Amino acid sequence: PAETLARVCHEAHHPAQDHADLPRQLSELIDRLLEKQPDARPAGA
C-alpha cells in the first residue's frame, strides 16, 4: 500500500496506448483523467 500511494502521488503512469490497441481519443482521455494536478484533468464529469 505504501508503494502504491507513492506511485499515485509521484510517479507517472505508462500511457494507456502503450498497453492496448485503443482508439487514440479514448487513450488521450484516460491520460488526462490521470493527471497528477487537478487543474490538468477535465473540469467535471
All heavy atoms as atom14 arrays in JSON, in Angstrom:
{
  "sequence": "PAETLARVCHEAHHPAQDHADLPRQLSELIDRLLEKQPDARPAGA",
  "atom14_mask": [
    [1, 1, 1, 1, 1, 1, 1, 0, 0, 0, 0, 0, 0, 0],
    [1, 1, 1, 1, 1, 0, 0, 0, 0, 0, 0, 0, 0, 0],
    [1, 1, 1, 1, 1, 1, 1, 1, 1, 0, 0, 0, 0, 0],
    [1, 1, 1, 1, 1, 1, 1, 0, 0, 0, 0, 0, 0, 0],
    [1, 1, 1, 1, 1, 1, 1, 1, 0, 0, 0, 0, 0, 0],
    [1, 1, 1, 1, 1, 0, 0, 0, 0, 0, 0, 0, 0, 0],
    [1, 1, 1, 1, 1, 1, 1, 1, 1, 1, 1, 0, 0, 0],
    [1, 1, 1, 1, 1, 1, 1, 0, 0, 0, 0, 0, 0, 0],
    [1, 1, 1, 1, 1, 1, 0, 0, 0, 0, 0, 0, 0, 0],
    [1, 1, 1, 1, 1, 1, 1, 1, 1, 1, 0, 0, 0, 0],
    [1, 1, 1, 1, 1, 1, 1, 1, 1, 0, 0, 0, 0, 0],
    [1, 1, 1, 1, 1, 0, 0, 0, 0, 0, 0, 0, 0, 0],
    [1, 1, 1, 1, 1, 1, 1, 1, 1, 1, 0, 0, 0, 0],
    [1, 1, 1, 1, 1, 1, 1, 1, 1, 1, 0, 0, 0, 0],
    [1, 1, 1, 1, 1, 1, 1, 0, 0, 0, 0, 0, 0, 0],
    [1, 1, 1, 1, 1, 0, 0, 0, 0, 0, 0, 0, 0, 0],
    [1, 1, 1, 1, 1, 1, 1, 1, 1, 0, 0, 0, 0, 0],
    [1, 1, 1, 1, 1, 1, 1, 1, 0, 0, 0, 0, 0, 0],
    [1, 1, 1, 1, 1, 1, 1, 1, 1, 1, 0, 0, 0, 0],
    [1, 1, 1, 1, 1, 0, 0, 0, 0, 0, 0, 0, 0, 0],
    [1, 1, 1, 1, 1, 1, 1, 1, 0, 0, 0, 0, 0, 0],
    [1, 1, 1, 1, 1, 1, 1, 1, 0, 0, 0, 0, 0, 0],
    [1, 1, 1, 1, 1, 1, 1, 0, 0, 0, 0, 0, 0, 0],
    [1, 1, 1, 1, 1, 1, 1, 1, 1, 1, 1, 0, 0, 0],
    [1, 1, 1, 1, 1, 1, 1, 1, 1, 0, 0, 0, 0, 0],
    [1, 1, 1, 1, 1, 1, 1, 1, 0, 0, 0, 0, 0, 0],
    [1, 1, 1, 1, 1, 1, 0, 0, 0, 0, 0, 0, 0, 0],
    [1, 1, 1, 1, 1, 1, 1, 1, 1, 0, 0, 0, 0, 0],
    [1, 1, 1, 1, 1, 1, 1, 1, 0, 0, 0, 0, 0, 0],
    [1, 1, 1, 1, 1, 1, 1, 1, 0, 0, 0, 0, 0, 0],
    [1, 1, 1, 1, 1, 1, 1, 1, 0, 0, 0, 0, 0, 0],
    [1, 1, 1, 1, 1, 1, 1, 1, 1, 1, 1, 0, 0, 0],
    [1, 1, 1, 1, 1, 1, 1, 1, 0, 0, 0, 0, 0, 0],
    [1, 1, 1, 1, 1, 1, 1, 1, 0, 0, 0, 0, 0, 0],
    [1, 1, 1, 1, 1, 1, 1, 1, 1, 0, 0, 0, 0, 0],
    [1, 1, 1, 1, 1, 1, 1, 1, 1, 0, 0, 0, 0, 0],
    [1, 1, 1, 1, 1, 1, 1, 1, 1, 0, 0, 0, 0, 0],
    [1, 1, 1, 1, 1, 1, 1, 0, 0, 0, 0, 0, 0, 0],
    [1, 1, 1, 1, 1, 1, 1, 1, 0, 0, 0, 0, 0, 0],
    [1, 1, 1, 1, 1, 0, 0, 0, 0, 0, 0, 0, 0, 0],
    [1, 1, 1, 1, 1, 1, 1, 1, 1, 1, 1, 0, 0, 0],
    [1, 1, 1, 1, 1, 1, 1, 0, 0, 0, 0, 0, 0, 0],
    [1, 1, 1, 1, 1, 0, 0, 0, 0, 0, 0, 0, 0, 0],
    [1, 1, 1, 1, 0, 0, 0, 0, 0, 0, 0, 0, 0, 0],
    [1, 1, 1, 1, 1, 0, 0, 0, 0, 0, 0, 0, 0, 0]
  ],
  "atom14_positions": [
    [[0.8, -1.23, 0.0], [0.0, 0.0, 0.0], [0.83, 1.28, 0.0], [0.49, 2.24, -0.68], [-0.85, -0.12, 1.26], [-0.14, -1.11, 2.12], [0.51, -2.07, 1.17], [0.0, 0.0, 0.0], [0.0, 0.0, 0.0], [0.0, 0.0, 0.0], [0.0, 0.0, 0.0], [0.0, 0.0, 0.0], [0.0, 0.0, 0.0], [0.0, 0.0, 0.0]],
    [[1.92, 1.29, 0.76], [2.75, 2.49, 0.8], [3.36, 2.77, -0.57], [3.41, 3.92, -1.03], [3.85, 2.34, 1.85], [0.0, 0.0, 0.0], [0.0, 0.0, 0.0], [0.0, 0.0, 0.0], [0.0, 0.0, 0.0], [0.0, 0.0, 0.0], [0.0, 0.0, 0.0], [0.0, 0.0, 0.0], [0.0, 0.0, 0.0], [0.0, 0.0, 0.0]],
    [[3.84, 1.7, -1.25], [4.4, 1.87, -2.59], [3.33, 2.34, -3.58], [3.59, 3.17, -4.45], [5.01, 0.56, -3.07], [6.25, 0.12, -2.3], [5.92, -0.7, -1.07], [4.72, -0.77, -0.7], [6.85, -1.26, -0.48], [0.0, 0.0, 0.0], [0.0, 0.0, 0.0], [0.0, 0.0, 0.0], [0.0, 0.0, 0.0], [0.0, 0.0, 0.0]],
    [[2.13, 1.79, -3.42], [1.04, 2.19, -4.31], [0.72, 3.67, -4.15], [0.59, 4.42, -5.12], [-0.23, 1.36, -4.02], [0.03, -0.02, -4.33], [-1.41, 1.84, -4.85], [0.0, 0.0, 0.0], [0.0, 0.0, 0.0], [0.0, 0.0, 0.0], [0.0, 0.0, 0.0], [0.0, 0.0, 0.0], [0.0, 0.0, 0.0], [0.0, 0.0, 0.0]],
    [[0.62, 4.14, -2.91], [0.32, 5.54, -2.66], [1.44, 6.45, -3.16], [1.19, 7.55, -3.66], [0.08, 5.77, -1.17], [-1.21, 5.14, -0.62], [-1.25, 5.23, 0.89], [-2.43, 5.81, -1.22], [0.0, 0.0, 0.0], [0.0, 0.0, 0.0], [0.0, 0.0, 0.0], [0.0, 0.0, 0.0], [0.0, 0.0, 0.0], [0.0, 0.0, 0.0]],
    [[2.69, 5.99, -3.03], [3.81, 6.78, -3.53], [3.73, 6.93, -5.04], [3.99, 8.0, -5.6], [5.13, 6.13, -3.12], [0.0, 0.0, 0.0], [0.0, 0.0, 0.0], [0.0, 0.0, 0.0], [0.0, 0.0, 0.0], [0.0, 0.0, 0.0], [0.0, 0.0, 0.0], [0.0, 0.0, 0.0], [0.0, 0.0, 0.0], [0.0, 0.0, 0.0]],
    [[3.36, 5.85, -5.73], [3.22, 5.92, -7.18], [2.08, 6.85, -7.58], [2.2, 7.63, -8.53], [2.97, 4.53, -7.74], [4.17, 3.6, -7.63], [3.84, 2.23, -8.24], [4.97, 1.29, -8.1], [4.96, 0.06, -8.58], [3.89, -0.41, -9.23], [6.02, -0.71, -8.43], [0.0, 0.0, 0.0], [0.0, 0.0, 0.0], [0.0, 0.0, 0.0]],
    [[0.97, 6.76, -6.86], [-0.17, 7.64, -7.15], [0.25, 9.1, -7.06], [-0.11, 9.93, -7.9], [-1.33, 7.34, -6.18], [-2.37, 8.46, -6.22], [-1.97, 6.0, -6.51], [0.0, 0.0, 0.0], [0.0, 0.0, 0.0], [0.0, 0.0, 0.0], [0.0, 0.0, 0.0], [0.0, 0.0, 0.0], [0.0, 0.0, 0.0], [0.0, 0.0, 0.0]],
    [[1.03, 9.41, -6.04], [1.38, 10.81, -5.77], [2.52, 11.33, -6.63], [2.54, 12.51, -6.99], [1.74, 10.99, -4.3], [0.38, 10.71, -3.16], [0.0, 0.0, 0.0], [0.0, 0.0, 0.0], [0.0, 0.0, 0.0], [0.0, 0.0, 0.0], [0.0, 0.0, 0.0], [0.0, 0.0, 0.0], [0.0, 0.0, 0.0], [0.0, 0.0, 0.0]],
    [[3.47, 10.45, -7.0], [4.72, 10.96, -7.56], [5.15, 10.36, -8.89], [5.99, 10.95, -9.57], [5.85, 10.74, -6.55], [5.57, 11.33, -5.2], [5.38, 12.68, -5.0], [5.43, 10.73, -3.97], [5.14, 12.9, -3.71], [5.16, 11.74, -3.07], [0.0, 0.0, 0.0], [0.0, 0.0, 0.0], [0.0, 0.0, 0.0], [0.0, 0.0, 0.0]],
    [[4.63, 9.21, -9.28], [5.11, 8.56, -10.49], [4.08, 8.66, -11.62], [2.89, 8.48, -11.4], [5.42, 7.07, -10.22], [6.59, 6.85, -9.28], [6.96, 5.39, -9.17], [6.53, 4.6, -10.04], [7.65, 5.03, -8.2], [0.0, 0.0, 0.0], [0.0, 0.0, 0.0], [0.0, 0.0, 0.0], [0.0, 0.0, 0.0], [0.0, 0.0, 0.0]],
    [[4.58, 8.94, -12.82], [3.7, 8.98, -13.99], [3.34, 7.56, -14.41], [4.17, 6.64, -14.32], [4.39, 9.7, -15.14], [0.0, 0.0, 0.0], [0.0, 0.0, 0.0], [0.0, 0.0, 0.0], [0.0, 0.0, 0.0], [0.0, 0.0, 0.0], [0.0, 0.0, 0.0], [0.0, 0.0, 0.0], [0.0, 0.0, 0.0], [0.0, 0.0, 0.0]],
    [[2.13, 7.39, -14.87], [1.69, 6.08, -15.36], [2.19, 5.87, -16.79], [2.5, 6.82, -17.5], [0.17, 5.99, -15.33], [-0.5, 6.92, -16.3], [-0.66, 8.28, -16.04], [-1.02, 6.71, -17.53], [-1.26, 8.85, -17.07], [-1.49, 7.93, -17.99], [0.0, 0.0, 0.0], [0.0, 0.0, 0.0], [0.0, 0.0, 0.0], [0.0, 0.0, 0.0]],
    [[2.27, 4.62, -17.21], [2.54, 4.34, -18.62], [1.28, 4.68, -19.41], [0.18, 4.27, -19.04], [2.9, 2.86, -18.82], [4.2, 2.47, -18.19], [5.42, 2.89, -18.69], [4.47, 1.71, -17.11], [6.38, 2.4, -17.93], [5.84, 1.68, -16.98], [0.0, 0.0, 0.0], [0.0, 0.0, 0.0], [0.0, 0.0, 0.0], [0.0, 0.0, 0.0]],
    [[1.4, 5.43, -20.49], [0.2, 5.79, -21.27], [-0.62, 4.55, -21.62], [-0.07, 3.48, -21.9], [0.78, 6.45, -22.52], [2.11, 7.0, -22.07], [2.63, 6.01, -21.07], [0.0, 0.0, 0.0], [0.0, 0.0, 0.0], [0.0, 0.0, 0.0], [0.0, 0.0, 0.0], [0.0, 0.0, 0.0], [0.0, 0.0, 0.0], [0.0, 0.0, 0.0]],
    [[-1.93, 4.71, -21.58], [-2.82, 3.58, -21.84], [-2.55, 2.97, -23.22], [-2.65, 1.76, -23.41], [-4.27, 4.03, -21.73], [0.0, 0.0, 0.0], [0.0, 0.0, 0.0], [0.0, 0.0, 0.0], [0.0, 0.0, 0.0], [0.0, 0.0, 0.0], [0.0, 0.0, 0.0], [0.0, 0.0, 0.0], [0.0, 0.0, 0.0], [0.0, 0.0, 0.0]],
    [[-2.19, 3.8, -24.17], [-1.95, 3.34, -25.53], [-0.78, 2.35, -25.6], [-0.71, 1.52, -26.5], [-1.67, 4.53, -26.45], [-1.63, 4.2, -27.93], [-3.01, 3.9, -28.48], [-3.9, 4.72, -28.41], [-3.18, 2.71, -29.05], [0.0, 0.0, 0.0], [0.0, 0.0, 0.0], [0.0, 0.0, 0.0], [0.0, 0.0, 0.0], [0.0, 0.0, 0.0]],
    [[0.12, 2.41, -24.62], [1.28, 1.51, -24.61], [0.88, 0.06, -24.3], [1.64, -0.86, -24.58], [2.31, 1.97, -23.58], [2.98, 3.28, -23.97], [2.76, 3.73, -25.1], [3.69, 3.84, -23.12], [0.0, 0.0, 0.0], [0.0, 0.0, 0.0], [0.0, 0.0, 0.0], [0.0, 0.0, 0.0], [0.0, 0.0, 0.0], [0.0, 0.0, 0.0]],
    [[-0.3, -0.12, -23.69], [-0.7, -1.44, -23.22], [-1.72, -2.12, -24.12], [-1.92, -3.32, -24.02], [-1.29, -1.34, -21.81], [-0.31, -0.92, -20.77], [0.39, -1.82, -20.0], [0.1, 0.31, -20.38], [1.19, -1.16, -19.18], [1.04, 0.13, -19.38], [0.0, 0.0, 0.0], [0.0, 0.0, 0.0], [0.0, 0.0, 0.0], [0.0, 0.0, 0.0]],
    [[-2.42, -1.38, -24.93], [-3.52, -1.98, -25.68], [-3.76, -1.21, -26.96], [-3.33, -0.06, -27.11], [-4.8, -2.0, -24.83], [0.0, 0.0, 0.0], [0.0, 0.0, 0.0], [0.0, 0.0, 0.0], [0.0, 0.0, 0.0], [0.0, 0.0, 0.0], [0.0, 0.0, 0.0], [0.0, 0.0, 0.0], [0.0, 0.0, 0.0], [0.0, 0.0, 0.0]],
    [[-4.45, -1.85, -27.87], [-4.8, -1.24, -29.15], [-6.08, -0.43, -28.96], [-7.17, -0.84, -29.33], [-4.98, -2.32, -30.21], [-5.23, -1.72, -31.59], [-4.91, -0.53, -31.77], [-5.75, -2.44, -32.47], [0.0, 0.0, 0.0], [0.0, 0.0, 0.0], [0.0, 0.0, 0.0], [0.0, 0.0, 0.0], [0.0, 0.0, 0.0], [0.0, 0.0, 0.0]],
    [[-5.92, 0.75, -28.36], [-7.07, 1.59, -28.03], [-7.24, 2.71, -29.05], [-6.25, 3.19, -29.62], [-6.9, 2.22, -26.65], [-6.83, 1.28, -25.45], [-6.62, 2.09, -24.18], [-8.09, 0.45, -25.35], [0.0, 0.0, 0.0], [0.0, 0.0, 0.0], [0.0, 0.0, 0.0], [0.0, 0.0, 0.0], [0.0, 0.0, 0.0], [0.0, 0.0, 0.0]],
    [[-8.48, 3.17, -29.25], [-8.67, 4.38, -30.06], [-7.9, 5.54, -29.44], [-7.84, 5.68, -28.2], [-10.18, 4.61, -29.99], [-10.76, 3.27, -29.65], [-9.75, 2.59, -28.79], [0.0, 0.0, 0.0], [0.0, 0.0, 0.0], [0.0, 0.0, 0.0], [0.0, 0.0, 0.0], [0.0, 0.0, 0.0], [0.0, 0.0, 0.0], [0.0, 0.0, 0.0]],
    [[-7.29, 6.35, -30.27], [-6.46, 7.45, -29.77], [-7.24, 8.37, -28.84], [-6.74, 8.79, -27.8], [-5.91, 8.25, -30.95], [-5.04, 9.45, -30.54], [-4.57, 10.22, -31.75], [-5.7, 10.63, -32.59], [-6.46, 11.71, -32.31], [-6.2, 12.46, -31.25], [-7.45, 12.04, -33.12], [0.0, 0.0, 0.0], [0.0, 0.0, 0.0], [0.0, 0.0, 0.0]],
    [[-8.49, 8.7, -29.19], [-9.26, 9.61, -28.36], [-9.5, 9.04, -26.97], [-9.43, 9.77, -25.97], [-10.62, 9.91, -29.03], [-10.53, 10.79, -30.26], [-11.9, 10.97, -30.89], [-12.58, 10.02, -31.26], [-12.32, 12.22, -31.0], [0.0, 0.0, 0.0], [0.0, 0.0, 0.0], [0.0, 0.0, 0.0], [0.0, 0.0, 0.0], [0.0, 0.0, 0.0]],
    [[-9.78, 7.74, -26.89], [-10.01, 7.12, -25.58], [-8.73, 7.11, -24.76], [-8.74, 7.44, -23.56], [-10.53, 5.69, -25.76], [-10.75, 4.89, -24.48], [-11.74, 5.58, -23.56], [-11.2, 3.47, -24.8], [0.0, 0.0, 0.0], [0.0, 0.0, 0.0], [0.0, 0.0, 0.0], [0.0, 0.0, 0.0], [0.0, 0.0, 0.0], [0.0, 0.0, 0.0]],
    [[-7.61, 6.76, -25.39], [-6.34, 6.74, -24.68], [-5.98, 8.12, -24.14], [-5.54, 8.27, -23.0], [-5.24, 6.22, -25.61], [-3.97, 6.28, -24.98], [0.0, 0.0, 0.0], [0.0, 0.0, 0.0], [0.0, 0.0, 0.0], [0.0, 0.0, 0.0], [0.0, 0.0, 0.0], [0.0, 0.0, 0.0], [0.0, 0.0, 0.0], [0.0, 0.0, 0.0]],
    [[-6.17, 9.15, -24.96], [-5.86, 10.51, -24.53], [-6.76, 10.97, -23.39], [-6.31, 11.67, -22.48], [-5.96, 11.46, -25.72], [-4.87, 11.24, -26.77], [-5.03, 12.15, -27.97], [-6.09, 12.83, -28.06], [-4.11, 12.19, -28.81], [0.0, 0.0, 0.0], [0.0, 0.0, 0.0], [0.0, 0.0, 0.0], [0.0, 0.0, 0.0], [0.0, 0.0, 0.0]],
    [[-8.04, 10.57, -23.42], [-8.95, 10.95, -22.34], [-8.53, 10.28, -21.04], [-8.51, 10.93, -19.98], [-10.39, 10.55, -22.7], [-11.44, 10.8, -21.62], [-11.52, 12.28, -21.27], [-12.8, 10.27, -22.07], [0.0, 0.0, 0.0], [0.0, 0.0, 0.0], [0.0, 0.0, 0.0], [0.0, 0.0, 0.0], [0.0, 0.0, 0.0], [0.0, 0.0, 0.0]],
    [[-8.18, 9.01, -21.08], [-7.73, 8.32, -19.88], [-6.48, 8.99, -19.31], [-6.37, 9.21, -18.1], [-7.46, 6.83, -20.18], [-8.76, 6.11, -20.51], [-6.76, 6.16, -19.0], [-8.57, 4.67, -20.98], [0.0, 0.0, 0.0], [0.0, 0.0, 0.0], [0.0, 0.0, 0.0], [0.0, 0.0, 0.0], [0.0, 0.0, 0.0], [0.0, 0.0, 0.0]],
    [[-5.55, 9.35, -20.18], [-4.32, 10.01, -19.72], [-4.62, 11.36, -19.07], [-3.99, 11.73, -18.07], [-3.35, 10.18, -20.88], [-2.79, 8.85, -21.38], [-2.84, 7.87, -20.61], [-2.31, 8.8, -22.52], [0.0, 0.0, 0.0], [0.0, 0.0, 0.0], [0.0, 0.0, 0.0], [0.0, 0.0, 0.0], [0.0, 0.0, 0.0], [0.0, 0.0, 0.0]],
    [[-5.59, 12.09, -19.61], [-5.99, 13.38, -18.99], [-6.6, 13.16, -17.61], [-6.34, 13.92, -16.67], [-7.0, 14.11, -19.87], [-6.42, 14.85, -21.06], [-7.52, 15.67, -21.72], [-8.02, 16.71, -20.83], [-9.22, 17.28, -20.94], [-10.06, 16.87, -21.89], [-9.59, 18.22, -20.1], [0.0, 0.0, 0.0], [0.0, 0.0, 0.0], [0.0, 0.0, 0.0]],
    [[-7.42, 12.14, -17.48], [-8.05, 11.86, -16.19], [-7.01, 11.51, -15.13], [-7.22, 11.76, -13.94], [-9.04, 10.71, -16.33], [-10.31, 11.0, -17.15], [-11.05, 9.7, -17.46], [-11.22, 11.96, -16.41], [0.0, 0.0, 0.0], [0.0, 0.0, 0.0], [0.0, 0.0, 0.0], [0.0, 0.0, 0.0], [0.0, 0.0, 0.0], [0.0, 0.0, 0.0]],
    [[-5.87, 10.96, -15.54], [-4.84, 10.51, -14.6], [-3.75, 11.55, -14.36], [-2.71, 11.24, -13.8], [-4.21, 9.21, -15.11], [-5.15, 7.99, -15.12], [-4.44, 6.78, -15.71], [-5.65, 7.68, -13.71], [0.0, 0.0, 0.0], [0.0, 0.0, 0.0], [0.0, 0.0, 0.0], [0.0, 0.0, 0.0], [0.0, 0.0, 0.0], [0.0, 0.0, 0.0]],
    [[-3.99, 12.77, -14.77], [-3.02, 13.84, -14.48], [-2.91, 14.06, -12.96], [-3.91, 14.01, -12.24], [-3.45, 15.14, -15.15], [-3.31, 15.14, -16.67], [-1.86, 15.28, -17.1], [-1.0, 15.53, -16.23], [-1.59, 15.16, -18.31], [0.0, 0.0, 0.0], [0.0, 0.0, 0.0], [0.0, 0.0, 0.0], [0.0, 0.0, 0.0], [0.0, 0.0, 0.0]],
    [[-1.68, 14.3, -12.49], [-1.47, 14.49, -11.06], [-2.13, 15.76, -10.53], [-2.68, 15.77, -9.44], [0.04, 14.55, -10.76], [0.83, 13.33, -11.19], [0.43, 12.09, -10.44], [1.36, 10.94, -10.8], [0.88, 9.65, -10.25], [0.0, 0.0, 0.0], [0.0, 0.0, 0.0], [0.0, 0.0, 0.0], [0.0, 0.0, 0.0], [0.0, 0.0, 0.0]],
    [[-2.09, 16.82, -11.32], [-2.66, 18.09, -10.9], [-4.14, 18.16, -11.29], [-4.48, 17.95, -12.46], [-1.9, 19.26, -11.52], [-0.45, 19.36, -11.08], [-0.32, 19.53, -9.58], [-1.1, 20.24, -8.94], [0.69, 18.88, -9.0], [0.0, 0.0, 0.0], [0.0, 0.0, 0.0], [0.0, 0.0, 0.0], [0.0, 0.0, 0.0], [0.0, 0.0, 0.0]],
    [[-5.03, 18.45, -10.35], [-6.46, 18.51, -10.68], [-6.78, 19.46, -11.82], [-7.67, 19.17, -12.64], [-7.09, 18.99, -9.36], [-6.14, 18.53, -8.3], [-4.78, 18.65, -8.92], [0.0, 0.0, 0.0], [0.0, 0.0, 0.0], [0.0, 0.0, 0.0], [0.0, 0.0, 0.0], [0.0, 0.0, 0.0], [0.0, 0.0, 0.0], [0.0, 0.0, 0.0]],
    [[-6.06, 20.58, -11.92], [-6.34, 21.55, -12.97], [-6.08, 21.0, -14.36], [-6.61, 21.52, -15.35], [-5.51, 22.83, -12.76], [-5.98, 23.62, -11.56], [-7.1, 23.36, -11.08], [-5.23, 24.5, -11.1], [0.0, 0.0, 0.0], [0.0, 0.0, 0.0], [0.0, 0.0, 0.0], [0.0, 0.0, 0.0], [0.0, 0.0, 0.0], [0.0, 0.0, 0.0]],
    [[-5.25, 19.97, -14.46], [-4.93, 19.38, -15.76], [-5.96, 18.35, -16.21], [-5.94, 17.92, -17.36], [-3.53, 18.75, -15.73], [0.0, 0.0, 0.0], [0.0, 0.0, 0.0], [0.0, 0.0, 0.0], [0.0, 0.0, 0.0], [0.0, 0.0, 0.0], [0.0, 0.0, 0.0], [0.0, 0.0, 0.0], [0.0, 0.0, 0.0], [0.0, 0.0, 0.0]],
    [[-6.84, 17.95, -15.3], [-7.89, 16.99, -15.65], [-9.1, 17.73, -16.22], [-9.17, 18.97, -16.14], [-8.32, 16.22, -14.39], [-7.21, 15.45, -13.72], [-7.65, 14.88, -12.37], [-6.49, 14.71, -11.49], [-6.54, 14.75, -10.16], [-7.69, 14.96, -9.54], [-5.42, 14.62, -9.45], [0.0, 0.0, 0.0], [0.0, 0.0, 0.0], [0.0, 0.0, 0.0]],
    [[-10.06, 17.0, -16.8], [-11.3, 17.65, -17.22], [-11.94, 18.38, -16.04], [-11.78, 17.99, -14.88], [-12.17, 16.48, -17.69], [-11.19, 15.44, -18.12], [-10.02, 15.57, -17.18], [0.0, 0.0, 0.0], [0.0, 0.0, 0.0], [0.0, 0.0, 0.0], [0.0, 0.0, 0.0], [0.0, 0.0, 0.0], [0.0, 0.0, 0.0], [0.0, 0.0, 0.0]],
    [[-12.66, 19.44, -16.33], [-13.23, 20.28, -15.28], [-14.33, 19.58, -14.51], [-14.58, 19.91, -13.35], [-13.76, 21.58, -15.88], [0.0, 0.0, 0.0], [0.0, 0.0, 0.0], [0.0, 0.0, 0.0], [0.0, 0.0, 0.0], [0.0, 0.0, 0.0], [0.0, 0.0, 0.0], [0.0, 0.0, 0.0], [0.0, 0.0, 0.0], [0.0, 0.0, 0.0]],
    [[-14.99, 18.62, -15.14], [-16.08, 17.93, -14.47], [-16.51, 16.7, -15.24], [-16.08, 16.47, -16.38], [0.0, 0.0, 0.0], [0.0, 0.0, 0.0], [0.0, 0.0, 0.0], [0.0, 0.0, 0.0], [0.0, 0.0, 0.0], [0.0, 0.0, 0.0], [0.0, 0.0, 0.0], [0.0, 0.0, 0.0], [0.0, 0.0, 0.0], [0.0, 0.0, 0.0]],
    [[-17.37, 15.9, -14.62], [-17.83, 14.66, -15.26], [-18.64, 14.94, -16.51], [-18.62, 14.15, -17.47], [-18.64, 13.84, -14.27], [0.0, 0.0, 0.0], [0.0, 0.0, 0.0], [0.0, 0.0, 0.0], [0.0, 0.0, 0.0], [0.0, 0.0, 0.0], [0.0, 0.0, 0.0], [0.0, 0.0, 0.0], [0.0, 0.0, 0.0], [0.0, 0.0, 0.0]]
  ]
}
